[in-house]
Structure formats: C-alpha cells, structure tokens
N, C-alpha and C. Protein backbone atom coordinates (compact mmCIF):
# COMPACT_ATOMS: atom_id res chain seq x y z
N MET A 1 -12.09 31.55 -9.38
CA MET A 1 -12.31 31.34 -7.95
C MET A 1 -13.80 31.02 -7.75
N ALA A 2 -14.03 30.12 -6.81
CA ALA A 2 -15.41 29.72 -6.51
C ALA A 2 -16.14 30.87 -5.84
N ASN A 3 -17.41 31.00 -6.17
CA ASN A 3 -18.21 32.09 -5.62
C ASN A 3 -19.24 31.62 -4.60
N THR A 4 -19.74 30.40 -4.76
CA THR A 4 -20.80 29.96 -3.87
C THR A 4 -20.22 29.33 -2.60
N ILE A 5 -21.04 29.31 -1.57
CA ILE A 5 -20.62 28.74 -0.30
C ILE A 5 -20.33 27.25 -0.45
N SER A 6 -21.17 26.57 -1.21
CA SER A 6 -20.98 25.12 -1.38
C SER A 6 -19.69 24.82 -2.16
N ALA A 7 -19.36 25.65 -3.13
CA ALA A 7 -18.13 25.45 -3.90
C ALA A 7 -16.91 25.69 -3.02
N LEU A 8 -16.98 26.69 -2.16
CA LEU A 8 -15.88 26.95 -1.24
C LEU A 8 -15.71 25.79 -0.26
N LYS A 9 -16.82 25.23 0.19
CA LYS A 9 -16.76 24.10 1.09
C LYS A 9 -16.13 22.89 0.40
N ARG A 10 -16.50 22.65 -0.86
CA ARG A 10 -15.93 21.52 -1.61
C ARG A 10 -14.42 21.68 -1.76
N ILE A 11 -13.96 22.92 -1.93
CA ILE A 11 -12.52 23.17 -2.03
C ILE A 11 -11.82 22.80 -0.73
N ARG A 12 -12.43 23.20 0.41
CA ARG A 12 -11.84 22.88 1.72
C ARG A 12 -11.80 21.37 1.93
N ILE A 13 -12.89 20.69 1.58
CA ILE A 13 -12.95 19.24 1.74
C ILE A 13 -11.91 18.55 0.86
N ALA A 14 -11.78 19.00 -0.37
CA ALA A 14 -10.82 18.41 -1.30
C ALA A 14 -9.39 18.56 -0.78
N GLU A 15 -9.09 19.71 -0.18
CA GLU A 15 -7.76 19.92 0.39
C GLU A 15 -7.48 18.96 1.53
N ARG A 16 -8.47 18.75 2.40
CA ARG A 16 -8.30 17.80 3.51
C ARG A 16 -8.13 16.38 3.00
N ARG A 17 -8.95 15.99 2.03
CA ARG A 17 -8.87 14.63 1.49
C ARG A 17 -7.53 14.40 0.78
N THR A 18 -7.01 15.45 0.13
CA THR A 18 -5.72 15.33 -0.55
C THR A 18 -4.62 15.01 0.45
N VAL A 19 -4.64 15.66 1.59
CA VAL A 19 -3.63 15.40 2.63
C VAL A 19 -3.75 13.97 3.13
N VAL A 20 -4.96 13.52 3.40
CA VAL A 20 -5.18 12.17 3.92
C VAL A 20 -4.75 11.13 2.89
N ASN A 21 -5.14 11.33 1.63
CA ASN A 21 -4.78 10.37 0.59
C ASN A 21 -3.27 10.33 0.36
N ARG A 22 -2.62 11.48 0.47
CA ARG A 22 -1.17 11.52 0.31
C ARG A 22 -0.50 10.70 1.42
N MET A 23 -1.00 10.80 2.65
CA MET A 23 -0.44 10.02 3.76
C MET A 23 -0.65 8.53 3.52
N ARG A 24 -1.84 8.16 3.09
CA ARG A 24 -2.14 6.75 2.84
C ARG A 24 -1.29 6.19 1.71
N ARG A 25 -1.14 6.95 0.65
CA ARG A 25 -0.33 6.50 -0.49
C ARG A 25 1.13 6.36 -0.08
N SER A 26 1.61 7.29 0.74
CA SER A 26 2.99 7.24 1.23
C SER A 26 3.21 6.02 2.11
N ARG A 27 2.27 5.76 3.01
CA ARG A 27 2.37 4.58 3.89
C ARG A 27 2.40 3.30 3.06
N LEU A 28 1.58 3.24 2.03
CA LEU A 28 1.55 2.08 1.15
C LEU A 28 2.90 1.89 0.47
N ARG A 29 3.42 2.93 -0.12
CA ARG A 29 4.67 2.83 -0.85
C ARG A 29 5.83 2.44 0.06
N ILE A 30 5.89 3.03 1.24
CA ILE A 30 6.97 2.72 2.19
C ILE A 30 6.91 1.26 2.61
N THR A 31 5.72 0.77 2.90
CA THR A 31 5.56 -0.61 3.36
C THR A 31 5.88 -1.60 2.26
N VAL A 32 5.39 -1.35 1.05
CA VAL A 32 5.66 -2.25 -0.07
C VAL A 32 7.15 -2.23 -0.41
N ARG A 33 7.76 -1.06 -0.38
CA ARG A 33 9.19 -0.95 -0.66
C ARG A 33 10.01 -1.73 0.37
N ALA A 34 9.63 -1.65 1.64
CA ALA A 34 10.35 -2.38 2.68
C ALA A 34 10.22 -3.88 2.47
N MET A 35 9.03 -4.33 2.09
CA MET A 35 8.83 -5.76 1.84
C MET A 35 9.65 -6.23 0.65
N ARG A 36 9.68 -5.43 -0.40
CA ARG A 36 10.46 -5.80 -1.58
C ARG A 36 11.94 -5.85 -1.27
N ARG A 37 12.41 -4.96 -0.41
CA ARG A 37 13.82 -4.98 -0.02
C ARG A 37 14.14 -6.24 0.78
N LEU A 38 13.24 -6.64 1.67
CA LEU A 38 13.45 -7.89 2.42
C LEU A 38 13.52 -9.08 1.48
N LEU A 39 12.65 -9.10 0.48
CA LEU A 39 12.64 -10.20 -0.47
C LEU A 39 13.91 -10.20 -1.33
N SER A 40 14.35 -9.03 -1.73
CA SER A 40 15.56 -8.94 -2.54
C SER A 40 16.80 -9.34 -1.75
N ALA A 41 16.79 -9.03 -0.46
CA ALA A 41 17.92 -9.38 0.41
C ALA A 41 17.86 -10.84 0.85
N LYS A 42 16.81 -11.54 0.45
CA LYS A 42 16.61 -12.95 0.80
C LYS A 42 16.54 -13.16 2.32
N ASP A 43 15.91 -12.19 2.99
CA ASP A 43 15.69 -12.26 4.44
C ASP A 43 14.36 -12.96 4.68
N LEU A 44 14.41 -14.29 4.81
CA LEU A 44 13.18 -15.08 4.91
C LEU A 44 12.40 -14.76 6.18
N ALA A 45 13.08 -14.72 7.31
CA ALA A 45 12.39 -14.47 8.58
C ALA A 45 11.76 -13.08 8.60
N GLY A 46 12.50 -12.10 8.15
CA GLY A 46 11.98 -10.74 8.12
C GLY A 46 10.81 -10.59 7.18
N ALA A 47 10.90 -11.25 6.03
CA ALA A 47 9.81 -11.17 5.05
C ALA A 47 8.55 -11.85 5.56
N GLN A 48 8.72 -12.99 6.22
CA GLN A 48 7.56 -13.69 6.78
C GLN A 48 6.90 -12.86 7.87
N ALA A 49 7.70 -12.16 8.65
CA ALA A 49 7.14 -11.32 9.71
C ALA A 49 6.44 -10.09 9.15
N ALA A 50 6.97 -9.54 8.05
CA ALA A 50 6.42 -8.31 7.49
C ALA A 50 5.23 -8.56 6.57
N LEU A 51 5.03 -9.79 6.12
CA LEU A 51 3.98 -10.08 5.14
C LEU A 51 2.57 -9.70 5.64
N PRO A 52 2.14 -10.10 6.84
CA PRO A 52 0.78 -9.73 7.27
C PRO A 52 0.57 -8.21 7.37
N LYS A 53 1.57 -7.51 7.87
CA LYS A 53 1.46 -6.05 7.99
C LYS A 53 1.37 -5.41 6.61
N THR A 54 2.18 -5.90 5.68
CA THR A 54 2.17 -5.37 4.33
C THR A 54 0.83 -5.62 3.65
N PHE A 55 0.31 -6.84 3.79
CA PHE A 55 -0.99 -7.16 3.19
C PHE A 55 -2.08 -6.29 3.79
N SER A 56 -2.01 -6.03 5.07
CA SER A 56 -3.00 -5.19 5.73
C SER A 56 -2.99 -3.77 5.16
N VAL A 57 -1.80 -3.21 4.99
CA VAL A 57 -1.68 -1.86 4.45
C VAL A 57 -2.19 -1.81 3.01
N VAL A 58 -1.86 -2.83 2.22
CA VAL A 58 -2.32 -2.89 0.82
C VAL A 58 -3.84 -2.98 0.78
N ASP A 59 -4.43 -3.84 1.63
CA ASP A 59 -5.88 -3.98 1.66
C ASP A 59 -6.57 -2.69 2.07
N LYS A 60 -6.00 -2.00 3.06
CA LYS A 60 -6.60 -0.74 3.50
C LYS A 60 -6.52 0.32 2.40
N ALA A 61 -5.42 0.33 1.66
CA ALA A 61 -5.28 1.29 0.56
C ALA A 61 -6.32 1.01 -0.53
N ALA A 62 -6.57 -0.26 -0.79
CA ALA A 62 -7.57 -0.62 -1.80
C ALA A 62 -8.97 -0.27 -1.31
N LYS A 63 -9.21 -0.51 -0.03
CA LYS A 63 -10.53 -0.25 0.54
C LYS A 63 -10.88 1.24 0.52
N THR A 64 -9.88 2.08 0.75
CA THR A 64 -10.13 3.52 0.81
C THR A 64 -10.02 4.18 -0.56
N GLY A 65 -9.64 3.42 -1.59
CA GLY A 65 -9.62 3.96 -2.93
C GLY A 65 -8.30 4.57 -3.35
N VAL A 66 -7.25 4.37 -2.56
CA VAL A 66 -5.94 4.89 -2.94
C VAL A 66 -5.41 4.13 -4.14
N ILE A 67 -5.62 2.81 -4.14
CA ILE A 67 -5.30 1.98 -5.31
C ILE A 67 -6.53 1.14 -5.63
N LYS A 68 -6.57 0.59 -6.83
CA LYS A 68 -7.70 -0.23 -7.22
C LYS A 68 -7.58 -1.63 -6.64
N LYS A 69 -8.71 -2.32 -6.59
CA LYS A 69 -8.77 -3.66 -6.00
C LYS A 69 -7.84 -4.63 -6.71
N ASN A 70 -7.83 -4.60 -8.04
CA ASN A 70 -6.98 -5.52 -8.79
C ASN A 70 -5.50 -5.20 -8.63
N THR A 71 -5.18 -3.94 -8.45
CA THR A 71 -3.79 -3.54 -8.20
C THR A 71 -3.33 -4.11 -6.87
N ALA A 72 -4.19 -4.04 -5.87
CA ALA A 72 -3.86 -4.61 -4.56
C ALA A 72 -3.67 -6.11 -4.67
N ALA A 73 -4.54 -6.77 -5.41
CA ALA A 73 -4.42 -8.21 -5.58
C ALA A 73 -3.12 -8.57 -6.30
N ARG A 74 -2.74 -7.77 -7.28
CA ARG A 74 -1.50 -8.02 -8.01
C ARG A 74 -0.29 -7.85 -7.11
N TYR A 75 -0.26 -6.79 -6.30
CA TYR A 75 0.84 -6.57 -5.36
C TYR A 75 0.97 -7.76 -4.43
N LYS A 76 -0.15 -8.16 -3.84
CA LYS A 76 -0.13 -9.25 -2.87
C LYS A 76 0.30 -10.56 -3.53
N SER A 77 -0.21 -10.82 -4.72
CA SER A 77 0.12 -12.06 -5.41
C SER A 77 1.62 -12.14 -5.72
N ARG A 78 2.17 -11.07 -6.21
CA ARG A 78 3.59 -11.07 -6.57
C ARG A 78 4.49 -11.18 -5.35
N MET A 79 4.13 -10.48 -4.27
CA MET A 79 4.93 -10.58 -3.05
C MET A 79 4.86 -11.99 -2.48
N HIS A 80 3.67 -12.56 -2.48
CA HIS A 80 3.51 -13.91 -1.92
C HIS A 80 4.25 -14.93 -2.77
N ALA A 81 4.22 -14.78 -4.08
CA ALA A 81 4.93 -15.70 -4.97
C ALA A 81 6.44 -15.61 -4.73
N ARG A 82 6.95 -14.40 -4.55
CA ARG A 82 8.38 -14.24 -4.29
C ARG A 82 8.76 -14.83 -2.94
N LEU A 83 7.88 -14.69 -1.95
CA LEU A 83 8.15 -15.27 -0.64
C LEU A 83 8.16 -16.79 -0.73
N LYS A 84 7.21 -17.37 -1.46
CA LYS A 84 7.18 -18.83 -1.62
C LYS A 84 8.42 -19.33 -2.33
N ALA A 85 8.88 -18.60 -3.35
CA ALA A 85 10.10 -18.98 -4.06
C ALA A 85 11.30 -18.91 -3.12
N LEU A 86 11.32 -17.90 -2.25
CA LEU A 86 12.41 -17.77 -1.29
C LEU A 86 12.38 -18.92 -0.27
N GLU A 87 11.17 -19.30 0.14
CA GLU A 87 11.04 -20.43 1.06
C GLU A 87 11.51 -21.72 0.38
N GLY A 88 11.22 -21.85 -0.91
CA GLY A 88 11.62 -23.04 -1.64
C GLY A 88 13.13 -23.17 -1.75
N THR A 89 13.81 -22.06 -1.94
CA THR A 89 15.27 -22.10 -2.05
C THR A 89 15.92 -22.31 -0.69
N ALA A 90 15.26 -21.87 0.37
CA ALA A 90 15.82 -22.02 1.72
C ALA A 90 15.68 -23.45 2.21
N ALA A 91 14.67 -24.16 1.72
CA ALA A 91 14.43 -25.53 2.22
C ALA A 91 15.40 -26.53 1.64
C-alpha cells in the first residue's frame, strides 16, 4: 500500500483515468462494430451515413491515446476500402 500523499493521489488519478479510458475504448468498439455490421449487411446508405461519425470516434480515440495513430489509420483505411468496394458493386 502506498504511504506517501503523492502516491495516494496518483492511485486516485489512475482510477479516474481508468474509468474514462474504459468508456472511450467501449465507445470506439461499439462504433466500429456497428460500421462493420453495416458493411457486412451491404447497407450502402447506412454505411455512408455512419462513416463520418465512425471516423470521428476513431480519431478521438487515437488523439487521447486509447489506440495508436497507425491503428486508427488502419481501421479507417480498411473501412473506407470496404465502403468503396460496396459502392462499386452497387453501381
């Protein structure tokens, strides 16, 4: 157990940050999962509408350190490529 005041404070801060990061990670996963389901269901209109919101959530997660920058870029690239492929088959 921590004995110093500063160590106790760091424990309190870490607990608060853990809760915030868990919420951010959950929001990211839910949004990405919803986008992937739209793409799998070949729902072009829904996927096009959800793309900006999904990209925003991914960017915010990368900015706050929940995921790394390259991971965010990979998520966005793959989703966008699948959307373009879906648009190609619909045309």
